[in-house]
């Protein structure tokens, strides 16, 4: 569990660093340059992800609460919607970006909440609670930093919007298929 906690702390800390300590971030960029800063940022995030994966796989889960069995399908739907929102964040001028200020973070939040609905074990509670809290803090810090939300112009054609949904659903299908290899937990086919 310690590796999982260290990985999550590194992940959240590195992501929150620019918003929490902007002067320190700017000073670091001045000292080492933007390219090396981006490389260091990526290396620390990758290290956090590796620690999370090894921490997850190395932790023997204990049951903390019994997830409501009737919400399993709702949780799966939330994951699919989350992936659609994450996909929408990568496309310019989507209608989603006019409705939701932070589609990627909102998608991650839905993904985390869905996992909390579907799992009641200790490692799930730690991982998905931290991820959910991180997304909310990130949204608040970005809102504070950027000020009022100026909604983007919508110029994407409807077939582009449909492509966003197809990409999101496709990613969700891939994750569903390979979930056992990613998390060690099968969702289909036992």
C-alpha atoms as a PDB file:
ATOM      1  CA  UNK A   1       0.000   0.000   0.000  1.00  0.00           C
ATOM      2  CA  UNK A   2       2.964   2.301   0.656  1.00  0.00           C
ATOM      3  CA  UNK A   3       4.100   2.252  -3.001  1.00  0.00           C
ATOM      4  CA  UNK A   4       0.561   3.111  -4.081  1.00  0.00           C
ATOM      5  CA  UNK A   5       0.436   6.014  -1.642  1.00  0.00           C
ATOM      6  CA  UNK A   6       3.870   7.306  -2.721  1.00  0.00           C
ATOM      7  CA  UNK A   7       2.889   7.051  -6.397  1.00  0.00           C
ATOM      8  CA  UNK A   8      -0.374   8.915  -5.817  1.00  0.00           C
ATOM      9  CA  UNK A   9       1.405  11.607  -3.802  1.00  0.00           C
ATOM     10  CA  UNK A  10       3.968  12.057  -6.572  1.00  0.00           C
ATOM     11  CA  UNK A  11       1.252  12.120  -9.284  1.00  0.00           C
ATOM     12  CA  UNK A  12      -0.918  14.661  -7.473  1.00  0.00           C
ATOM     13  CA  UNK A  13       1.990  16.760  -6.212  1.00  0.00           C
ATOM     14  CA  UNK A  14       3.610  17.127  -9.618  1.00  0.00           C
ATOM     15  CA  UNK A  15       0.289  17.955 -11.282  1.00  0.00           C
ATOM     16  CA  UNK A  16      -0.646  20.506  -8.614  1.00  0.00           C
ATOM     17  CA  UNK A  17       2.834  22.080  -8.369  1.00  0.00           C
ATOM     18  CA  UNK A  18       2.374  24.642 -11.219  1.00  0.00           C
ATOM     19  CA  UNK A  19      -0.940  25.880  -9.794  1.00  0.00           C
ATOM     20  CA  UNK A  20       0.020  25.840  -6.128  1.00  0.00           C
ATOM     21  CA  UNK A  21       3.501  27.325  -6.534  1.00  0.00           C
ATOM     22  CA  UNK A  22       3.534  29.271  -9.827  1.00  0.00           C
ATOM     23  CA  UNK A  23       6.513  31.462  -8.869  1.00  0.00           C
ATOM     24  CA  UNK A  24       8.574  28.427  -7.949  1.00  0.00           C
ATOM     25  CA  UNK A  25       7.562  26.746 -11.220  1.00  0.00           C
ATOM     26  CA  UNK A  26       8.527  29.872 -13.201  1.00  0.00           C
ATOM     27  CA  UNK A  27      11.859  30.082 -11.350  1.00  0.00           C
ATOM     28  CA  UNK A  28      12.592  26.445 -12.133  1.00  0.00           C
ATOM     29  CA  UNK A  29      11.761  26.988 -15.822  1.00  0.00           C
ATOM     30  CA  UNK A  30      14.117  30.031 -15.882  1.00  0.00           C
ATOM     31  CA  UNK A  31      16.919  28.005 -14.290  1.00  0.00           C
ATOM     32  CA  UNK A  32      16.716  24.841 -16.373  1.00  0.00           C
ATOM     33  CA  UNK A  33      14.651  25.883 -19.420  1.00  0.00           C
ATOM     34  CA  UNK A  34      11.167  24.931 -20.587  1.00  0.00           C
ATOM     35  CA  UNK A  35      12.203  21.746 -22.418  1.00  0.00           C
ATOM     36  CA  UNK A  36      14.077  20.252 -19.460  1.00  0.00           C
ATOM     37  CA  UNK A  37      11.234  21.309 -17.143  1.00  0.00           C
ATOM     38  CA  UNK A  38       8.697  19.500 -19.361  1.00  0.00           C
ATOM     39  CA  UNK A  39      10.982  16.456 -19.441  1.00  0.00           C
ATOM     40  CA  UNK A  40      11.371  16.457 -15.660  1.00  0.00           C
ATOM     41  CA  UNK A  41       7.597  16.882 -15.273  1.00  0.00           C
ATOM     42  CA  UNK A  42       6.964  13.916 -17.612  1.00  0.00           C
ATOM     43  CA  UNK A  43       9.587  11.767 -15.884  1.00  0.00           C
ATOM     44  CA  UNK A  44       8.087  12.434 -12.447  1.00  0.00           C
ATOM     45  CA  UNK A  45       4.562  11.690 -13.721  1.00  0.00           C
ATOM     46  CA  UNK A  46       5.755   8.460 -15.339  1.00  0.00           C
ATOM     47  CA  UNK A  47       7.507   7.495 -12.100  1.00  0.00           C
ATOM     48  CA  UNK A  48       4.280   8.190 -10.206  1.00  0.00           C
ATOM     49  CA  UNK A  49       2.280   6.018 -12.615  1.00  0.00           C
ATOM     50  CA  UNK A  50       4.792   3.160 -12.322  1.00  0.00           C
ATOM     51  CA  UNK A  51       4.664   3.370  -8.523  1.00  0.00           C
ATOM     52  CA  UNK A  52       0.853   3.420  -8.646  1.00  0.00           C
ATOM     53  CA  UNK A  53       0.769   0.310 -10.861  1.00  0.00           C
ATOM     54  CA  UNK A  54       3.287  -1.632  -8.777  1.00  0.00           C
ATOM     55  CA  UNK A  55       1.678  -0.399  -5.565  1.00  0.00           C
ATOM     56  CA  UNK A  56      -1.761  -1.462  -6.806  1.00  0.00           C
ATOM     57  CA  UNK A  57      -0.582  -4.898  -7.858  1.00  0.00           C
ATOM     58  CA  UNK A  58       1.472  -5.377  -4.683  1.00  0.00           C
ATOM     59  CA  UNK A  59      -1.328  -4.472  -2.287  1.00  0.00           C
ATOM     60  CA  UNK A  60      -3.575  -7.203  -0.963  1.00  0.00           C
ATOM     61  CA  UNK A  61      -7.005  -5.566  -0.859  1.00  0.00           C
ATOM     62  CA  UNK A  62      -9.188  -5.720   2.229  1.00  0.00           C
ATOM     63  CA  UNK A  63     -12.908  -5.074   2.033  1.00  0.00           C
ATOM     64  CA  UNK A  64     -13.881  -1.678   3.504  1.00  0.00           C
ATOM     65  CA  UNK A  65     -17.507  -1.452   2.332  1.00  0.00           C
ATOM     66  CA  UNK A  66     -19.903  -3.438   0.181  1.00  0.00           C
ATOM     67  CA  UNK A  67     -20.571  -1.618  -3.076  1.00  0.00           C
ATOM     68  CA  UNK A  68     -24.242  -1.548  -4.079  1.00  0.00           C
ATOM     69  CA  UNK A  69     -24.672  -4.399  -6.588  1.00  0.00           C
ATOM     70  CA  UNK A  70     -27.427  -2.547  -8.436  1.00  0.00           C
ATOM     71  CA  UNK A  71     -25.059   0.278  -9.389  1.00  0.00           C
ATOM     72  CA  UNK A  72     -22.545  -1.839 -11.332  1.00  0.00           C
ATOM     73  CA  UNK A  73     -24.061  -0.990 -14.711  1.00  0.00           C
ATOM     74  CA  UNK A  74     -24.438   2.671 -13.768  1.00  0.00           C
ATOM     75  CA  UNK A  75     -20.766   2.698 -12.805  1.00  0.00           C
ATOM     76  CA  UNK A  76     -19.808   1.218 -16.182  1.00  0.00           C
ATOM     77  CA  UNK A  77     -21.897   3.877 -17.948  1.00  0.00           C
ATOM     78  CA  UNK A  78     -20.133   6.604 -15.929  1.00  0.00           C
ATOM     79  CA  UNK A  79     -16.773   5.212 -17.084  1.00  0.00           C
ATOM     80  CA  UNK A  80     -17.875   5.349 -20.735  1.00  0.00           C
ATOM     81  CA  UNK A  81     -19.126   8.936 -20.314  1.00  0.00           C
ATOM     82  CA  UNK A  82     -15.834   9.762 -18.589  1.00  0.00           C
ATOM     83  CA  UNK A  83     -13.839   8.458 -21.551  1.00  0.00           C
ATOM     84  CA  UNK A  84     -16.026  10.446 -23.969  1.00  0.00           C
ATOM     85  CA  UNK A  85     -15.312  13.606 -21.952  1.00  0.00           C
ATOM     86  CA  UNK A  86     -11.589  12.831 -21.901  1.00  0.00           C
ATOM     87  CA  UNK A  87     -11.667  12.352 -25.679  1.00  0.00           C
ATOM     88  CA  UNK A  88     -13.590  15.619 -26.122  1.00  0.00           C
ATOM     89  CA  UNK A  89     -10.810  17.469 -24.312  1.00  0.00           C
ATOM     90  CA  UNK A  90      -8.392  16.465 -27.087  1.00  0.00           C
ATOM     91  CA  UNK A  91     -10.517  17.836 -29.921  1.00  0.00           C
ATOM     92  CA  UNK A  92     -10.721  21.568 -30.712  1.00  0.00           C
ATOM     93  CA  UNK A  93     -14.012  23.447 -30.523  1.00  0.00           C
ATOM     94  CA  UNK A  94     -16.295  20.646 -29.326  1.00  0.00           C
ATOM     95  CA  UNK A  95     -19.729  21.400 -27.951  1.00  0.00           C
ATOM     96  CA  UNK A  96     -18.672  19.586 -24.784  1.00  0.00           C
ATOM     97  CA  UNK A  97     -16.132  22.363 -24.169  1.00  0.00           C
ATOM     98  CA  UNK A  98     -18.986  24.876 -24.266  1.00  0.00           C
ATOM     99  CA  UNK A  99     -20.890  22.917 -21.617  1.00  0.00           C
ATOM    100  CA  UNK A 100     -18.063  21.751 -19.354  1.00  0.00           C
ATOM    101  CA  UNK A 101     -15.081  23.924 -18.489  1.00  0.00           C
ATOM    102  CA  UNK A 102     -12.796  20.992 -17.665  1.00  0.00           C
ATOM    103  CA  UNK A 103     -13.888  18.001 -19.757  1.00  0.00           C
ATOM    104  CA  UNK A 104     -10.740  15.954 -19.161  1.00  0.00           C
ATOM    105  CA  UNK A 105     -10.742  16.452 -15.400  1.00  0.00           C
ATOM    106  CA  UNK A 106     -14.505  15.892 -15.279  1.00  0.00           C
ATOM    107  CA  UNK A 107     -14.002  12.649 -17.207  1.00  0.00           C
ATOM    108  CA  UNK A 108     -11.353  11.497 -14.734  1.00  0.00           C
ATOM    109  CA  UNK A 109     -13.677  12.450 -11.859  1.00  0.00           C
ATOM    110  CA  UNK A 110     -16.513  10.345 -13.331  1.00  0.00           C
ATOM    111  CA  UNK A 111     -14.067   7.460 -13.869  1.00  0.00           C
ATOM    112  CA  UNK A 112     -12.915   7.673 -10.235  1.00  0.00           C
ATOM    113  CA  UNK A 113     -16.449   7.966  -8.825  1.00  0.00           C
ATOM    114  CA  UNK A 114     -17.585   5.006 -10.938  1.00  0.00           C
ATOM    115  CA  UNK A 115     -14.795   2.895  -9.492  1.00  0.00           C
ATOM    116  CA  UNK A 116     -15.763   3.933  -5.965  1.00  0.00           C
ATOM    117  CA  UNK A 117     -19.336   2.819  -6.725  1.00  0.00           C
ATOM    118  CA  UNK A 118     -18.168  -0.541  -8.067  1.00  0.00           C
ATOM    119  CA  UNK A 119     -15.364  -1.388  -5.615  1.00  0.00           C
ATOM    120  CA  UNK A 120     -15.245  -1.394  -1.846  1.00  0.00           C
ATOM    121  CA  UNK A 121     -11.719  -2.550  -1.156  1.00  0.00           C
ATOM    122  CA  UNK A 122      -8.911  -0.629   0.531  1.00  0.00           C
ATOM    123  CA  UNK A 123      -6.682  -0.096  -2.504  1.00  0.00           C
ATOM    124  CA  UNK A 124      -9.623   1.053  -4.664  1.00  0.00           C
ATOM    125  CA  UNK A 125     -10.745   3.427  -1.937  1.00  0.00           C
ATOM    126  CA  UNK A 126      -7.260   4.945  -1.726  1.00  0.00           C
ATOM    127  CA  UNK A 127      -6.593   5.176  -5.475  1.00  0.00           C
ATOM    128  CA  UNK A 128      -9.958   6.449  -6.656  1.00  0.00           C
ATOM    129  CA  UNK A 129     -10.568   8.773  -3.697  1.00  0.00           C
ATOM    130  CA  UNK A 130      -7.210  10.458  -4.250  1.00  0.00           C
ATOM    131  CA  UNK A 131      -7.864  10.756  -7.988  1.00  0.00           C
ATOM    132  CA  UNK A 132     -11.326  12.241  -7.382  1.00  0.00           C
ATOM    133  CA  UNK A 133     -10.005  14.729  -4.829  1.00  0.00           C
ATOM    134  CA  UNK A 134      -7.110  15.639  -7.154  1.00  0.00           C
ATOM    135  CA  UNK A 135      -9.501  16.433 -10.020  1.00  0.00           C
ATOM    136  CA  UNK A 136     -11.670  18.703  -7.871  1.00  0.00           C
ATOM    137  CA  UNK A 137      -8.653  20.544  -6.446  1.00  0.00           C
ATOM    138  CA  UNK A 138      -7.200  20.893  -9.954  1.00  0.00           C
ATOM    139  CA  UNK A 139     -10.431  22.376 -11.297  1.00  0.00           C
ATOM    140  CA  UNK A 140     -10.638  24.864  -8.433  1.00  0.00           C
ATOM    141  CA  UNK A 141      -7.000  25.912  -8.831  1.00  0.00           C
ATOM    142  CA  UNK A 142      -7.326  26.307 -12.601  1.00  0.00           C
ATOM    143  CA  UNK A 143     -10.493  28.374 -12.143  1.00  0.00           C
ATOM    144  CA  UNK A 144      -8.682  30.597  -9.639  1.00  0.00           C
ATOM    145  CA  UNK A 145      -5.669  30.972 -11.916  1.00  0.00           C
ATOM    146  CA  UNK A 146      -7.579  31.586 -15.150  1.00  0.00           C
ATOM    147  CA  UNK A 147     -10.477  33.638 -13.800  1.00  0.00           C
ATOM    148  CA  UNK A 148     -13.853  33.800 -15.491  1.00  0.00           C
ATOM    149  CA  UNK A 149     -14.644  31.076 -17.986  1.00  0.00           C
ATOM    150  CA  UNK A 150     -14.792  32.286 -21.553  1.00  0.00           C
ATOM    151  CA  UNK A 151     -16.686  29.623 -23.462  1.00  0.00           C
ATOM    152  CA  UNK A 152     -15.024  28.681 -26.740  1.00  0.00           C
ATOM    153  CA  UNK A 153     -16.702  29.234 -30.069  1.00  0.00           C
ATOM    154  CA  UNK A 154     -18.316  26.094 -31.422  1.00  0.00           C
ATOM    155  CA  UNK A 155     -17.463  25.468 -35.048  1.00  0.00           C
ATOM    156  CA  UNK A 156     -17.026  21.699 -35.129  1.00  0.00           C
ATOM    157  CA  UNK A 157     -19.434  19.922 -37.463  1.00  0.00           C
ATOM    158  CA  UNK A 158     -21.774  17.292 -36.020  1.00  0.00           C
ATOM    159  CA  UNK A 159     -19.781  14.470 -37.650  1.00  0.00           C
ATOM    160  CA  UNK A 160     -16.778  15.736 -35.678  1.00  0.00           C
ATOM    161  CA  UNK A 161     -18.830  15.559 -32.489  1.00  0.00           C
ATOM    162  CA  UNK A 162     -19.838  12.021 -33.435  1.00  0.00           C
ATOM    163  CA  UNK A 163     -16.158  11.175 -33.907  1.00  0.00           C
ATOM    164  CA  UNK A 164     -15.488  12.348 -30.326  1.00  0.00           C
ATOM    165  CA  UNK A 165     -18.126   9.904 -29.057  1.00  0.00           C
ATOM    166  CA  UNK A 166     -16.781   7.064 -31.223  1.00  0.00           C
ATOM    167  CA  UNK A 167     -13.221   7.680 -29.962  1.00  0.00           C
ATOM    168  CA  UNK A 168     -14.386   7.802 -26.331  1.00  0.00           C
ATOM    169  CA  UNK A 169     -16.464   4.638 -26.654  1.00  0.00           C
ATOM    170  CA  UNK A 170     -13.614   2.930 -28.535  1.00  0.00           C
ATOM    171  CA  UNK A 171     -11.144   3.733 -25.769  1.00  0.00           C
ATOM    172  CA  UNK A 172     -13.650   2.513 -23.173  1.00  0.00           C
ATOM    173  CA  UNK A 173     -14.076  -0.742 -25.124  1.00  0.00           C
ATOM    174  CA  UNK A 174     -10.302  -1.244 -25.274  1.00  0.00           C
ATOM    175  CA  UNK A 175      -9.948  -0.592 -21.554  1.00  0.00           C
ATOM    176  CA  UNK A 176     -12.830  -2.997 -20.879  1.00  0.00           C
ATOM    177  CA  UNK A 177     -11.184  -5.693 -22.991  1.00  0.00           C
ATOM    178  CA  UNK A 178      -7.717  -5.251 -21.486  1.00  0.00           C
ATOM    179  CA  UNK A 179      -8.749  -4.280 -17.929  1.00  0.00           C
ATOM    180  CA  UNK A 180      -7.426  -7.568 -16.565  1.00  0.00           C
ATOM    181  CA  UNK A 181      -3.970  -6.754 -17.988  1.00  0.00           C
ATOM    182  CA  UNK A 182      -4.056  -3.128 -16.850  1.00  0.00           C
ATOM    183  CA  UNK A 183      -5.419  -3.593 -13.336  1.00  0.00           C
ATOM    184  CA  UNK A 184      -5.283  -7.334 -12.740  1.00  0.00           C
ATOM    185  CA  UNK A 185      -9.075  -7.359 -12.422  1.00  0.00           C
ATOM    186  CA  UNK A 186     -11.200  -8.995 -15.150  1.00  0.00           C
ATOM    187  CA  UNK A 187     -14.429  -7.244 -16.114  1.00  0.00           C
ATOM    188  CA  UNK A 188     -15.480  -9.616 -18.877  1.00  0.00           C
ATOM    189  CA  UNK A 189     -14.990 -13.305 -19.355  1.00  0.00           C
ATOM    190  CA  UNK A 190     -13.915 -13.925 -15.743  1.00  0.00           C
END
